[in-house]
C-alpha atoms as a PDB file:
ATOM      1  CA  MET A   1     -80.534 225.256   1.967  1.00  0.00           C
ATOM      2  CA  SER A   2     -79.892 222.988   4.876  1.00  0.00           C
ATOM      3  CA  LYS A   3     -78.291 219.635   4.815  1.00  0.00           C
ATOM      4  CA  TYR A   4     -81.377 218.339   7.008  1.00  0.00           C
ATOM      5  CA  SER A   5     -84.167 219.462   4.803  1.00  0.00           C
ATOM      6  CA  ASP A   6     -85.127 221.235   1.615  1.00  0.00           C
ATOM      7  CA  ASN A   7     -85.925 224.405   3.711  1.00  0.00           C
ATOM      8  CA  ARG A   8     -83.300 227.217   3.453  1.00  0.00           C
ATOM      9  CA  ALA A   9     -83.692 228.113   7.073  1.00  0.00           C
ATOM     10  CA  THR A  10     -81.699 226.179   9.521  1.00  0.00           C
ATOM     11  CA  PRO A  11     -83.983 223.957  11.487  1.00  0.00           C
ATOM     12  CA  LEU A  12     -84.075 223.774  15.389  1.00  0.00           C
ATOM     13  CA  LEU A  13     -81.967 221.186  16.813  1.00  0.00           C
ATOM     14  CA  ALA A  14     -83.945 218.251  18.363  1.00  0.00           C
ATOM     15  CA  LYS A  15     -83.412 217.303  21.903  1.00  0.00           C
ATOM     16  CA  ALA A  16     -83.532 213.672  23.263  1.00  0.00           C
ATOM     17  CA  GLY A  17     -86.956 213.082  24.173  1.00  0.00           C
ATOM     18  CA  GLY A  18     -88.620 215.080  21.327  1.00  0.00           C
ATOM     19  CA  GLY A  19     -88.139 218.647  22.588  1.00  0.00           C
ATOM     20  CA  THR A  20     -86.123 221.270  20.923  1.00  0.00           C
ATOM     21  CA  ILE A  21     -83.199 223.404  21.913  1.00  0.00           C
ATOM     22  CA  GLN A  22     -84.161 227.134  21.604  1.00  0.00           C
ATOM     23  CA  PRO A  23     -81.342 229.626  20.650  1.00  0.00           C
ATOM     24  CA  LYS A  24     -79.355 230.950  23.632  1.00  0.00           C
ATOM     25  CA  THR A  25     -77.471 234.179  24.001  1.00  0.00           C
ATOM     26  CA  PHE A  26     -74.535 233.074  26.269  1.00  0.00           C
ATOM     27  CA  PRO A  27     -71.255 234.717  25.116  1.00  0.00           C
ATOM     28  CA  LEU A  28     -68.660 232.449  23.945  1.00  0.00           C
ATOM     29  CA  GLU A  29     -65.851 232.386  26.644  1.00  0.00           C
ATOM     30  CA  SER A  30     -62.626 230.405  26.998  1.00  0.00           C
ATOM     31  CA  GLY A  31     -59.368 230.811  28.865  1.00  0.00           C
ATOM     32  CA  VAL A  32     -56.855 228.997  31.132  1.00  0.00           C
ATOM     33  CA  ALA A  33     -58.228 228.128  34.637  1.00  0.00           C
ATOM     34  CA  THR A  34     -56.495 226.927  37.867  1.00  0.00           C
ATOM     35  CA  VAL A  35     -58.028 223.868  39.347  1.00  0.00           C
ATOM     36  CA  ILE A  36     -59.321 224.278  43.004  1.00  0.00           C
ATOM     37  CA  THR A  37     -60.801 220.923  43.718  1.00  0.00           C
ATOM     38  CA  VAL A  38     -62.249 217.839  41.894  1.00  0.00           C
ATOM     39  CA  ILE A  39     -65.898 217.304  42.943  1.00  0.00           C
ATOM     40  CA  HIS A  40     -66.831 214.169  44.712  1.00  0.00           C
ATOM     41  CA  ASP A  41     -70.187 212.880  46.129  1.00  0.00           C
ATOM     42  CA  GLU A  42     -70.814 211.484  49.434  1.00  0.00           C
ATOM     43  CA  ARG A  43     -69.458 208.155  48.408  1.00  0.00           C
ATOM     44  CA  MET A  44     -66.187 209.587  47.305  1.00  0.00           C
ATOM     45  CA  ARG A  45     -67.002 209.113  43.617  1.00  0.00           C
ATOM     46  CA  SER A  46     -66.432 211.699  40.870  1.00  0.00           C
ATOM     47  CA  THR A  47     -67.286 211.964  37.157  1.00  0.00           C
ATOM     48  CA  GLY A  48     -64.324 214.411  36.532  1.00  0.00           C
ATOM     49  CA  GLU A  49     -66.030 217.581  37.288  1.00  0.00           C
ATOM     50  CA  ILE A  50     -63.797 220.256  38.637  1.00  0.00           C
ATOM     51  CA  SER A  51     -64.119 223.537  40.464  1.00  0.00           C
ATOM     52  CA  CYS A  52     -61.638 225.952  39.117  1.00  0.00           C
ATOM     53  CA  GLN A  53     -60.916 229.781  38.740  1.00  0.00           C
ATOM     54  CA  ILE A  54     -60.460 231.560  35.456  1.00  0.00           C
ATOM     55  CA  ALA A  55     -59.508 235.074  34.770  1.00  0.00           C
ATOM     56  CA  ARG A  56     -61.596 237.220  32.607  1.00  0.00           C
ATOM     57  CA  GLN A  57     -60.356 239.731  30.036  1.00  0.00           C
ATOM     58  CA  ASP A  58     -60.747 242.584  32.576  1.00  0.00           C
ATOM     59  CA  GLY A  59     -58.476 240.613  35.046  1.00  0.00           C
ATOM     60  CA  SER A  60     -61.258 239.546  37.606  1.00  0.00           C
ATOM     61  CA  LEU A  61     -61.415 236.086  38.729  1.00  0.00           C
ATOM     62  CA  ILE A  62     -64.495 233.817  38.708  1.00  0.00           C
ATOM     63  CA  LYS A  63     -65.162 230.454  39.975  1.00  0.00           C
ATOM     64  CA  ILE A  64     -66.694 227.850  37.587  1.00  0.00           C
ATOM     65  CA  VAL A  65     -67.660 224.219  37.619  1.00  0.00           C
ATOM     66  CA  ALA A  66     -66.351 222.456  34.395  1.00  0.00           C
ATOM     67  CA  ALA A  67     -66.763 218.923  32.973  1.00  0.00           C
ATOM     68  CA  PRO A  68     -64.427 216.871  30.872  1.00  0.00           C
ATOM     69  CA  VAL A  69     -64.823 217.469  27.197  1.00  0.00           C
ATOM     70  CA  HIS A  70     -64.657 213.851  26.298  1.00  0.00           C
ATOM     71  CA  THR A  71     -66.851 211.268  27.973  1.00  0.00           C
ATOM     72  CA  HIS A  72     -64.855 208.269  27.301  1.00  0.00           C
ATOM     73  CA  ASN A  73     -61.343 209.571  27.307  1.00  0.00           C
ATOM     74  CA  PHE A  74     -59.992 212.206  29.746  1.00  0.00           C
ATOM     75  CA  ILE A  75     -57.371 212.898  32.401  1.00  0.00           C
ATOM     76  CA  CYS A  76     -58.803 214.078  35.717  1.00  0.00           C
ATOM     77  CA  PRO A  77     -56.701 217.011  36.795  1.00  0.00           C
ATOM     78  CA  VAL A  78     -55.938 217.746  40.593  1.00  0.00           C
ATOM     79  CA  PRO A  79     -55.813 221.133  42.419  1.00  0.00           C
ATOM     80  CA  ASN A  80     -53.186 223.683  41.408  1.00  0.00           C
ATOM     81  CA  GLU A  81     -52.853 222.433  37.799  1.00  0.00           C
ATOM     82  CA  LYS A  82     -53.832 224.374  34.754  1.00  0.00           C
ATOM     83  CA  VAL A  83     -56.671 223.363  32.399  1.00  0.00           C
ATOM     84  CA  TYR A  84     -58.143 225.040  29.435  1.00  0.00           C
ATOM     85  CA  CYS A  85     -61.943 225.851  29.753  1.00  0.00           C
ATOM     86  CA  PHE A  86     -64.484 227.032  27.369  1.00  0.00           C
ATOM     87  CA  LYS A  87     -68.194 227.790  27.642  1.00  0.00           C
ATOM     88  CA  ASP A  88     -70.974 226.210  25.568  1.00  0.00           C
ATOM     89  CA  SER A  89     -72.875 229.094  24.266  1.00  0.00           C
ATOM     90  CA  THR A  90     -76.040 227.127  23.947  1.00  0.00           C
ATOM     91  CA  ASN A  91     -76.594 226.580  27.667  1.00  0.00           C
ATOM     92  CA  GLY A  92     -73.757 228.256  29.596  1.00  0.00           C
ATOM     93  CA  ASP A  93     -71.954 224.900  30.750  1.00  0.00           C
ATOM     94  CA  TRP A  94     -68.225 224.839  30.992  1.00  0.00           C
ATOM     95  CA  PHE A  95     -65.929 222.235  29.728  1.00  0.00           C
ATOM     96  CA  TYR A  96     -62.233 221.675  30.117  1.00  0.00           C
ATOM     97  CA  PHE A  97     -59.275 220.181  28.340  1.00  0.00           C
ATOM     98  CA  GLY A  98     -56.166 219.153  30.462  1.00  0.00           C
ATOM     99  CA  PRO A  99     -54.250 219.233  32.505  1.00  0.00           C
ATOM    100  CA  LEU A 100     -51.811 221.466  30.589  1.00  0.00           C
ATOM    101  CA  THR A 101     -48.246 220.262  30.295  1.00  0.00           C
ATOM    102  CA  ASN A 102     -45.416 221.778  32.501  1.00  0.00           C
ATOM    103  CA  ARG A 103     -41.749 220.886  31.782  1.00  0.00           C
ATOM    104  CA  GLY A 104     -42.281 217.097  31.507  1.00  0.00           C
ATOM    105  CA  LEU A 105     -43.837 216.806  34.872  1.00  0.00           C
ATOM    106  CA  THR A 106     -46.486 213.974  34.980  1.00  0.00           C
ATOM    107  CA  ASN A 107     -47.358 213.096  38.510  1.00  0.00           C
ATOM    108  CA  HIS A 108     -48.465 216.747  39.412  1.00  0.00           C
ATOM    109  CA  THR A 109     -47.718 219.590  37.213  1.00  0.00           C
ATOM    110  CA  GLY A 110     -48.213 222.240  39.869  1.00  0.00           C
ATOM    111  CA  ASN A 111     -48.489 225.144  37.408  1.00  0.00           C
ATOM    112  CA  GLY A 112     -51.488 226.873  38.569  1.00  0.00           C
ATOM    113  CA  ASP A 113     -51.597 230.783  38.382  1.00  0.00           C
ATOM    114  CA  HIS A 114     -53.697 231.149  41.530  1.00  0.00           C
ATOM    115  CA  ALA A 115     -52.418 228.702  44.078  1.00  0.00           C
ATOM    116  CA  THR A 116     -54.805 226.887  46.625  1.00  0.00           C
ATOM    117  CA  TYR A 117     -53.220 225.918  50.024  1.00  0.00           C
ATOM    118  CA  ASP A 118     -54.008 223.316  52.514  1.00  0.00           C
ATOM    119  CA  GLN A 119     -54.697 224.184  56.177  1.00  0.00           C
ATOM    120  CA  ASP A 120     -51.078 223.594  57.128  1.00  0.00           C
ATOM    121  CA  GLY A 121     -49.929 226.067  54.422  1.00  0.00           C
ATOM    122  CA  SER A 122     -48.792 223.517  52.024  1.00  0.00           C
ATOM    123  CA  LEU A 123     -49.862 223.495  48.446  1.00  0.00           C
ATOM    124  CA  PHE A 124     -53.180 221.566  48.094  1.00  0.00           C
ATOM    125  CA  HIS A 125     -53.076 218.426  46.036  1.00  0.00           C
ATOM    126  CA  GLY A 126     -56.617 217.277  46.515  1.00  0.00           C
ATOM    127  CA  GLU A 127     -58.823 215.377  49.040  1.00  0.00           C
ATOM    128  CA  TYR A 128     -57.642 211.949  47.993  1.00  0.00           C
ATOM    129  CA  PHE A 129     -54.505 212.474  45.543  1.00  0.00           C
ATOM    130  CA  VAL A 130     -51.202 211.986  47.135  1.00  0.00           C
ATOM    131  CA  ALA A 131     -48.667 213.958  45.038  1.00  0.00           C
ATOM    132  CA  HIS A 132     -45.096 212.621  44.297  1.00  0.00           C
ATOM    133  CA  PRO A 133     -43.899 215.095  41.693  1.00  0.00           C
ATOM    134  CA  ASP A 134     -40.392 213.581  41.402  1.00  0.00           C
ATOM    135  CA  SER A 135     -41.501 209.976  41.056  1.00  0.00           C
ATOM    136  CA  SER A 136     -42.049 210.058  37.253  1.00  0.00           C
ATOM    137  CA  ARG A 137     -41.381 212.288  34.267  1.00  0.00           C
ATOM    138  CA  CYS A 138     -42.511 212.419  30.679  1.00  0.00           C
ATOM    139  CA  ILE A 139     -40.850 209.722  28.605  1.00  0.00           C
ATOM    140  CA  ASP A 140     -38.528 210.688  25.860  1.00  0.00           C
ATOM    141  CA  VAL A 141     -40.782 211.172  22.696  1.00  0.00           C
ATOM    142  CA  LEU A 142     -39.611 210.536  19.310  1.00  0.00           C
ATOM    143  CA  GLU A 143     -40.848 212.368  16.295  1.00  0.00           C
ATOM    144  CA  GLY A 144     -44.228 210.817  15.101  1.00  0.00           C
ATOM    145  CA  ASP A 145     -44.750 208.843  18.377  1.00  0.00           C
ATOM    146  CA  LEU A 146     -48.363 208.607  19.820  1.00  0.00           C
ATOM    147  CA  VAL A 147     -47.829 208.283  23.549  1.00  0.00           C
ATOM    148  CA  LEU A 148     -50.298 207.659  26.444  1.00  0.00           C
ATOM    149  CA  GLN A 149     -48.682 208.239  30.037  1.00  0.00           C
ATOM    150  CA  SER A 150     -50.200 208.124  33.438  1.00  0.00           C
ATOM    151  CA  ARG A 151     -49.148 210.203  36.480  1.00  0.00           C
ATOM    152  CA  PHE A 152     -47.557 207.185  38.138  1.00  0.00           C
ATOM    153  CA  GLY A 153     -45.005 205.698  35.770  1.00  0.00           C
ATOM    154  CA  SER A 154     -47.119 203.730  33.306  1.00  0.00           C
ATOM    155  CA  THR A 155     -46.777 204.330  29.618  1.00  0.00           C
ATOM    156  CA  LEU A 156     -48.130 203.178  26.125  1.00  0.00           C
ATOM    157  CA  ARG A 157     -46.106 204.135  23.255  1.00  0.00           C
ATOM    158  CA  MET A 158     -47.006 203.581  19.585  1.00  0.00           C
ATOM    159  CA  SER A 159     -43.743 204.102  17.881  1.00  0.00           C
ATOM    160  CA  HIS A 160     -41.656 202.893  14.963  1.00  0.00           C
ATOM    161  CA  THR A 161     -38.167 201.883  13.729  1.00  0.00           C
ATOM    162  CA  ASN A 162     -35.969 204.857  13.105  1.00  0.00           C
ATOM    163  CA  GLY A 163     -32.433 204.420  11.763  1.00  0.00           C
ATOM    164  CA  LYS A 164     -31.551 208.172  12.772  1.00  0.00           C
ATOM    165  CA  VAL A 165     -32.286 207.451  16.450  1.00  0.00           C
ATOM    166  CA  ASN A 166     -30.626 204.939  18.699  1.00  0.00           C
ATOM    167  CA  THR A 167     -33.486 203.018  20.617  1.00  0.00           C
ATOM    168  CA  PRO A 168     -33.699 199.698  22.124  1.00  0.00           C
ATOM    169  CA  TRP A 169     -36.062 198.445  19.561  1.00  0.00           C
ATOM    170  CA  ASN A 170     -34.354 199.495  16.296  1.00  0.00           C
ATOM    171  CA  SER A 171     -34.674 196.920  13.376  1.00  0.00           C
ATOM    172  CA  ASN A 172     -31.915 195.795  11.147  1.00  0.00           C
ATOM    173  CA  LYS A 173     -33.825 197.215   8.405  1.00  0.00           C
ATOM    174  CA  THR A 174     -33.140 200.804   9.157  1.00  0.00           C
ATOM    175  CA  GLU A 175     -34.096 201.983   5.750  1.00  0.00           C
ATOM    176  CA  THR A 176     -37.759 201.205   6.598  1.00  0.00           C
ATOM    177  CA  THR A 177     -40.310 202.446   9.002  1.00  0.00           C
ATOM    178  CA  THR A 178     -42.003 199.589  10.840  1.00  0.00           C
ATOM    179  CA  PRO A 179     -44.470 199.946  13.738  1.00  0.00           C
ATOM    180  CA  ILE A 180     -43.931 198.855  17.459  1.00  0.00           C
ATOM    181  CA  VAL A 181     -46.261 199.047  20.339  1.00  0.00           C
ATOM    182  CA  LEU A 182     -44.566 199.142  23.974  1.00  0.00           C
ATOM    183  CA  LEU A 183     -46.884 198.925  27.016  1.00  0.00           C
ATOM    184  CA  ARG A 184     -44.790 199.079  30.467  1.00  0.00           C
ATOM    185  CA  THR A 185     -44.947 200.107  34.081  1.00  0.00           C
ATOM    186  CA  GLY A 186     -41.614 201.938  34.918  1.00  0.00           C
ATOM    187  CA  TYR A 187     -39.988 205.386  35.500  1.00  0.00           C
ATOM    188  CA  LEU A 188     -37.002 205.433  32.737  1.00  0.00           C
ATOM    189  CA  PRO A 189     -37.325 207.973  30.072  1.00  0.00           C
ATOM    190  CA  VAL A 190     -36.960 205.180  27.542  1.00  0.00           C
ATOM    191  CA  GLU A 191     -38.572 201.655  28.107  1.00  0.00           C
ATOM    192  CA  SER A 192     -36.187 198.785  29.185  1.00  0.00           C
ATOM    193  CA  LEU A 193     -36.952 195.287  29.505  1.00  0.00           C
ATOM    194  CA  GLN A 194     -34.171 194.974  32.160  1.00  0.00           C
ATOM    195  CA  TYR A 195     -35.450 197.770  34.489  1.00  0.00           C
ATOM    196  CA  ASP A 196     -39.104 198.306  33.934  1.00  0.00           C
ATOM    197  CA  GLN A 197     -41.377 196.443  36.337  1.00  0.00           C
ATOM    198  CA  ALA A 198     -43.626 194.727  33.725  1.00  0.00           C
ATOM    199  CA  SER A 199     -43.666 195.119  29.828  1.00  0.00           C
ATOM    200  CA  ILE A 200     -45.709 193.802  26.742  1.00  0.00           C
ATOM    201  CA  TYR A 201     -44.101 194.541  23.414  1.00  0.00           C
ATOM    202  CA  LEU A 202     -45.668 194.048  20.026  1.00  0.00           C
ATOM    203  CA  THR A 203     -43.092 194.022  17.365  1.00  0.00           C
ATOM    204  CA  THR A 204     -42.809 193.857  13.678  1.00  0.00           C
ATOM    205  CA  ASP A 205     -39.264 193.211  12.671  1.00  0.00           C
ATOM    206  CA  GLN A 206     -37.359 194.801  15.554  1.00  0.00           C
ATOM    207  CA  MET A 207     -34.542 192.716  17.263  1.00  0.00           C
ATOM    208  CA  ILE A 208     -35.153 192.925  20.983  1.00  0.00           C
ATOM    209  CA  ASP A 209     -32.462 191.816  23.480  1.00  0.00           C
ATOM    210  CA  ILE A 210     -34.625 189.848  25.990  1.00  0.00           C
ATOM    211  CA  PRO A 211     -32.791 189.686  29.418  1.00  0.00           C
ATOM    212  CA  ILE A 212     -33.807 185.939  30.054  1.00  0.00           C
ATOM    213  CA  LYS A 213     -32.315 184.369  33.281  1.00  0.00           C
ATOM    214  CA  THR A 214     -31.991 180.964  31.594  1.00  0.00           C
ATOM    215  CA  PRO A 215     -30.339 180.296  28.297  1.00  0.00           C
ATOM    216  CA  PHE A 216     -32.356 179.660  25.173  1.00  0.00           C
ATOM    217  CA  PRO A 217     -31.957 176.454  23.258  1.00  0.00           C
ATOM    218  CA  SER A 218     -29.170 176.799  20.805  1.00  0.00           C
ATOM    219  CA  ASP A 219     -31.372 176.508  17.884  1.00  0.00           C
ATOM    220  CA  VAL A 220     -33.685 179.413  19.220  1.00  0.00           C
ATOM    221  CA  PRO A 221     -32.751 183.068  18.420  1.00  0.00           C
ATOM    222  CA  ASN A 222     -32.994 185.723  21.095  1.00  0.00           C
ATOM    223  CA  LYS A 223     -31.935 189.205  20.219  1.00  0.00           C
ATOM    224  CA  ASP A 224     -31.264 188.105  16.503  1.00  0.00           C
ATOM    225  CA  TYR A 225     -34.885 187.244  15.846  1.00  0.00           C
ATOM    226  CA  ASN A 226     -36.393 189.920  13.361  1.00  0.00           C
ATOM    227  CA  LEU A 227     -40.005 188.695  12.815  1.00  0.00           C
ATOM    228  CA  GLY A 228     -43.151 189.790  14.722  1.00  0.00           C
ATOM    229  CA  GLN A 229     -43.122 189.007  18.459  1.00  0.00           C
ATOM    230  CA  LEU A 230     -45.412 189.317  21.378  1.00  0.00           C
ATOM    231  CA  ILE A 231     -43.038 189.803  24.360  1.00  0.00           C
ATOM    232  CA  LEU A 232     -44.239 189.471  27.989  1.00  0.00           C
ATOM    233  CA  TYR A 233     -41.590 190.318  30.606  1.00  0.00           C
ATOM    234  CA  SER A 234     -42.044 190.792  34.282  1.00  0.00           C
ATOM    235  CA  ASP A 235     -41.130 189.434  37.896  1.00  0.00           C
ATOM    236  CA  ARG A 236     -44.017 186.923  37.519  1.00  0.00           C
ATOM    237  CA  ILE A 237     -46.276 185.996  34.728  1.00  0.00           C
ATOM    238  CA  VAL A 238     -49.681 184.390  35.712  1.00  0.00           C
ATOM    239  CA  ALA A 239     -52.216 182.976  33.176  1.00  0.00           C
ATOM    240  CA  GLY A 240     -55.394 181.794  34.523  1.00  0.00           C
ATOM    241  CA  SER A 241     -58.726 180.389  33.062  1.00  0.00           C
ATOM    242  CA  ARG A 242     -62.031 180.958  34.748  1.00  0.00           C
ATOM    243  CA  THR A 243     -64.183 178.255  33.095  1.00  0.00           C
ATOM    244  CA  ASP A 244     -62.338 176.728  30.049  1.00  0.00           C
ATOM    245  CA  ASN A 245     -59.104 175.777  29.055  1.00  0.00           C
ATOM    246  CA  ILE A 246     -55.749 177.532  28.245  1.00  0.00           C
ATOM    247  CA  LEU A 247     -54.632 176.758  24.895  1.00  0.00           C
ATOM    248  CA  LEU A 248     -51.019 176.983  23.479  1.00  0.00           C
ATOM    249  CA  SER A 249     -50.549 176.353  19.819  1.00  0.00           C
ATOM    250  CA  SER A 250     -47.209 176.289  18.029  1.00  0.00           C
ATOM    251  CA  ALA A 251     -46.197 176.214  14.267  1.00  0.00           C
ATOM    252  CA  LYS A 252     -42.914 174.532  15.612  1.00  0.00           C
ATOM    253  CA  ASN A 253     -42.078 173.529  19.158  1.00  0.00           C
ATOM    254  CA  ILE A 254     -42.998 174.827  22.665  1.00  0.00           C
ATOM    255  CA  HIS A 255     -39.788 175.494  24.680  1.00  0.00           C
ATOM    256  CA  LEU A 256     -39.638 175.444  28.399  1.00  0.00           C
ATOM    257  CA  SER A 257     -36.664 176.648  30.255  1.00  0.00           C
ATOM    258  CA  THR A 258     -36.118 176.681  33.954  1.00  0.00           C
ATOM    259  CA  GLN A 259     -32.872 176.947  36.210  1.00  0.00           C
ATOM    260  CA  ASN A 260     -32.692 173.027  36.130  1.00  0.00           C
ATOM    261  CA  TRP A 261     -34.257 172.097  32.667  1.00  0.00           C
ATOM    262  CA  ASN A 262     -34.108 173.248  29.087  1.00  0.00           C
ATOM    263  CA  HIS A 263     -36.406 171.469  26.608  1.00  0.00           C
ATOM    264  CA  ASP A 264     -39.209 171.549  24.217  1.00  0.00           C
ATOM    265  CA  VAL A 265     -42.511 169.720  24.578  1.00  0.00           C
ATOM    266  CA  ASP A 266     -41.834 167.466  21.503  1.00  0.00           C
ATOM    267  CA  GLU A 267     -38.382 166.341  22.843  1.00  0.00           C
ATOM    268  CA  VAL A 268     -40.003 165.336  26.354  1.00  0.00           C
ATOM    269  CA  LEU A 269     -42.779 163.310  24.545  1.00  0.00           C
ATOM    270  CA  ASP A 270     -40.491 161.623  22.133  1.00  0.00           C
ATOM    271  CA  THR A 271     -38.248 160.628  25.159  1.00  0.00           C
ATOM    272  CA  MET A 272     -41.151 159.280  27.095  1.00  0.00           C
ATOM    273  CA  THR A 273     -42.057 157.213  24.089  1.00  0.00           C
ATOM    274  CA  GLU A 274     -38.714 155.819  23.757  1.00  0.00           C
ATOM    275  CA  LEU A 275     -38.558 155.037  27.523  1.00  0.00           C
ATOM    276  CA  ILE A 276     -41.943 153.178  27.302  1.00  0.00           C
ATOM    277  CA  SER A 277     -40.643 151.053  24.482  1.00  0.00           C
ATOM    278  CA  GLU A 278     -37.495 150.150  26.575  1.00  0.00           C
ATOM    279  CA  VAL A 279     -39.580 149.295  29.622  1.00  0.00           C
ATOM    280  CA  LYS A 280     -41.953 147.155  27.618  1.00  0.00           C
ATOM    281  CA  ALA A 281     -39.085 145.185  26.222  1.00  0.00           C
ATOM    282  CA  LEU A 282     -37.617 144.693  29.641  1.00  0.00           C
ATOM    283  CA  ALA A 283     -40.946 143.670  31.072  1.00  0.00           C
ATOM    284  CA  SER A 284     -41.442 140.949  28.388  1.00  0.00           C
ATOM    285  CA  GLU A 285     -37.871 139.630  29.266  1.00  0.00           C
ATOM    286  CA  VAL A 286     -38.713 139.626  32.974  1.00  0.00           C
ATOM    287  CA  GLY A 287     -41.860 137.915  32.317  1.00  0.00           C
ATOM    288  CA  SER A 288     -40.438 135.099  30.242  1.00  0.00           C
ATOM    289  CA  ILE A 289     -37.794 134.559  32.859  1.00  0.00           C
ATOM    290  CA  ALA A 290     -40.587 134.257  35.625  1.00  0.00           C
ATOM    291  CA  GLN A 291     -42.790 132.088  33.470  1.00  0.00           C
ATOM    292  CA  SER A 292     -39.877 129.688  32.934  1.00  0.00           C
ATOM    293  CA  SER A 293     -38.956 129.594  36.553  1.00  0.00           C
ATOM    294  CA  ILE A 294     -42.570 128.617  37.646  1.00  0.00           C
ATOM    295  CA  THR A 295     -42.173 125.186  36.061  1.00  0.00           C
ATOM    296  CA  GLN A 296     -38.681 124.738  36.629  1.00  0.00           C
ATOM    297  CA  THR A 297     -37.730 121.501  38.812  1.00  0.00           C
ATOM    298  CA  PHE A 298     -34.693 120.368  40.615  1.00  0.00           C
ATOM    299  CA  THR A 299     -33.580 116.930  41.588  1.00  0.00           C
ATOM    300  CA  VAL A 300     -33.622 116.138  45.265  1.00  0.00           C
ATOM    301  CA  VAL A 301     -31.001 113.192  45.866  1.00  0.00           C
ATOM    302  CA  SER A 302     -32.108 112.070  49.144  1.00  0.00           C
ATOM    303  CA  LEU A 303     -35.698 111.706  47.911  1.00  0.00           C
ATOM    304  CA  GLY A 304     -34.646 110.178  44.464  1.00  0.00           C
ATOM    305  CA  SER A 305     -37.125 112.459  42.571  1.00  0.00           C
ATOM    306  CA  THR A 306     -37.535 115.987  41.156  1.00  0.00           C
ATOM    307  CA  LEU A 307     -39.443 118.933  42.754  1.00  0.00           C
ATOM    308  CA  PRO A 308     -40.400 122.302  41.764  1.00  0.00           C
ATOM    309  CA  SER A 309     -38.501 125.371  43.017  1.00  0.00           C
ATOM    310  CA  THR A 310     -39.425 126.480  46.519  1.00  0.00           C
ATOM    311  CA  MET A 311     -39.626 130.007  44.897  1.00  0.00           C
ATOM    312  CA  ALA A 312     -42.346 128.971  42.425  1.00  0.00           C
ATOM    313  CA  GLY A 313     -45.021 130.909  44.336  1.00  0.00           C
ATOM    314  CA  SER A 314     -42.730 134.099  44.259  1.00  0.00           C
ATOM    315  CA  PHE A 315     -42.173 133.455  40.566  1.00  0.00           C
ATOM    316  CA  ALA A 316     -45.855 133.297  39.824  1.00  0.00           C
ATOM    317  CA  SER A 317     -46.445 136.490  41.577  1.00  0.00           C
ATOM    318  CA  ASN A 318     -43.809 138.212  39.626  1.00  0.00           C
ATOM    319  CA  TYR A 319     -45.211 136.900  36.362  1.00  0.00           C
ATOM    320  CA  SER A 320     -48.601 138.290  37.424  1.00  0.00           C
ATOM    321  CA  ASN A 321     -47.242 141.685  38.323  1.00  0.00           C
ATOM    322  CA  VAL A 322     -45.337 141.794  34.959  1.00  0.00           C
ATOM    323  CA  VAL A 323     -48.649 141.087  33.179  1.00  0.00           C
ATOM    324  CA  ASN A 324     -50.315 143.892  34.970  1.00  0.00           C
ATOM    325  CA  SER A 325     -47.323 146.271  34.133  1.00  0.00           C
ATOM    326  CA  GLN A 326     -47.619 145.416  30.446  1.00  0.00           C
ATOM    327  CA  THR A 327     -51.360 146.194  30.462  1.00  0.00           C
ATOM    328  CA  LYS A 328     -50.657 149.637  31.975  1.00  0.00           C
ATOM    329  CA  LEU A 329     -47.656 150.345  29.761  1.00  0.00           C
ATOM    330  CA  ALA A 330     -49.862 149.483  26.669  1.00  0.00           C
ATOM    331  CA  GLN A 331     -52.607 152.023  27.959  1.00  0.00           C
ATOM    332  CA  ILE A 332     -49.929 154.732  28.529  1.00  0.00           C
ATOM    333  CA  GLU A 333     -48.526 154.133  25.027  1.00  0.00           C
ATOM    334  CA  GLN A 334     -52.056 154.503  23.434  1.00  0.00           C
ATOM    335  CA  LYS A 335     -52.519 157.951  25.280  1.00  0.00           C
ATOM    336  CA  LEU A 336     -49.208 159.224  23.928  1.00  0.00           C
ATOM    337  CA  GLU A 337     -49.976 158.094  20.547  1.00  0.00           C
ATOM    338  CA  ALA A 338     -53.408 159.882  20.810  1.00  0.00           C
ATOM    339  CA  LEU A 339     -51.244 163.063  21.540  1.00  0.00           C
ATOM    340  CA  LYS A 340     -49.345 162.974  18.401  1.00  0.00           C
ATOM    341  CA  GLN A 341     -50.130 165.389  15.624  1.00  0.00           C
ATOM    342  CA  LYS A 342     -48.387 163.414  12.842  1.00  0.00           C
END
């Protein structure tokens, strides 16, 4: 009995569009093939199809065109690399897995059995691919790791804390296994914040020594921090917003550290509040002095009378300026108060 119906006979498979796939008689074939070239169209675009040659059981070579097995996740091989191919017995199409590994080489494995050469006699690497076989190698893999790595020195490692292996991300809790994710561009066999070009770490409880160029505040731990962290480290970090805000929210403080300053946001705003209070008090004192000086009079002996100060006009101007400054200070104080969370 079929899982698709109550009929014991296996039903014909339906094609997209309502047709059916009739049984085919293609023999099931598979084997290791050597890539000849990656197929491109006139716009230099490719879907990952390759031309390669594969040896039959009788030793003869045939040329085939093969497509990646996976639509959404595959590595495009280049000429003179090995891939594993198999034929779809229903329609005769060929598909490939690969490229096959070769002693930790990642940029160009160069392990093909039937070499293809360029016009100048050098090993053919492809129409557009430029090979630098010595530029990068496979990263050191720990037992249980899930690793994605490119040909050019970028890696994604989903690893863990392992008390038996000395790694830069070991936890102080060596008896437990806790996860860590490391994404980087670099060439060393093990990730390094110091030497990799750019890094993103997602930690659990691992204590990471971050090679910062300015000291952390004394109350903020660096390598001794053993809770979850998102670590971004590179020559430069750029965060941009296309149409809306950039939001930073902290359960405690937001610390800013440069070559000249080391502070947190709360401290800066609290200091500004204190400064405004001092300036308001000073402005009030200056205003009182200016107001008193406006009406102050002096005895003129030669005239036998008293007259206002010749600086009365300046004192009036000073008093007016103080009033304007007090109004602006009050507005700034209100804005700062509106920023307070508590």
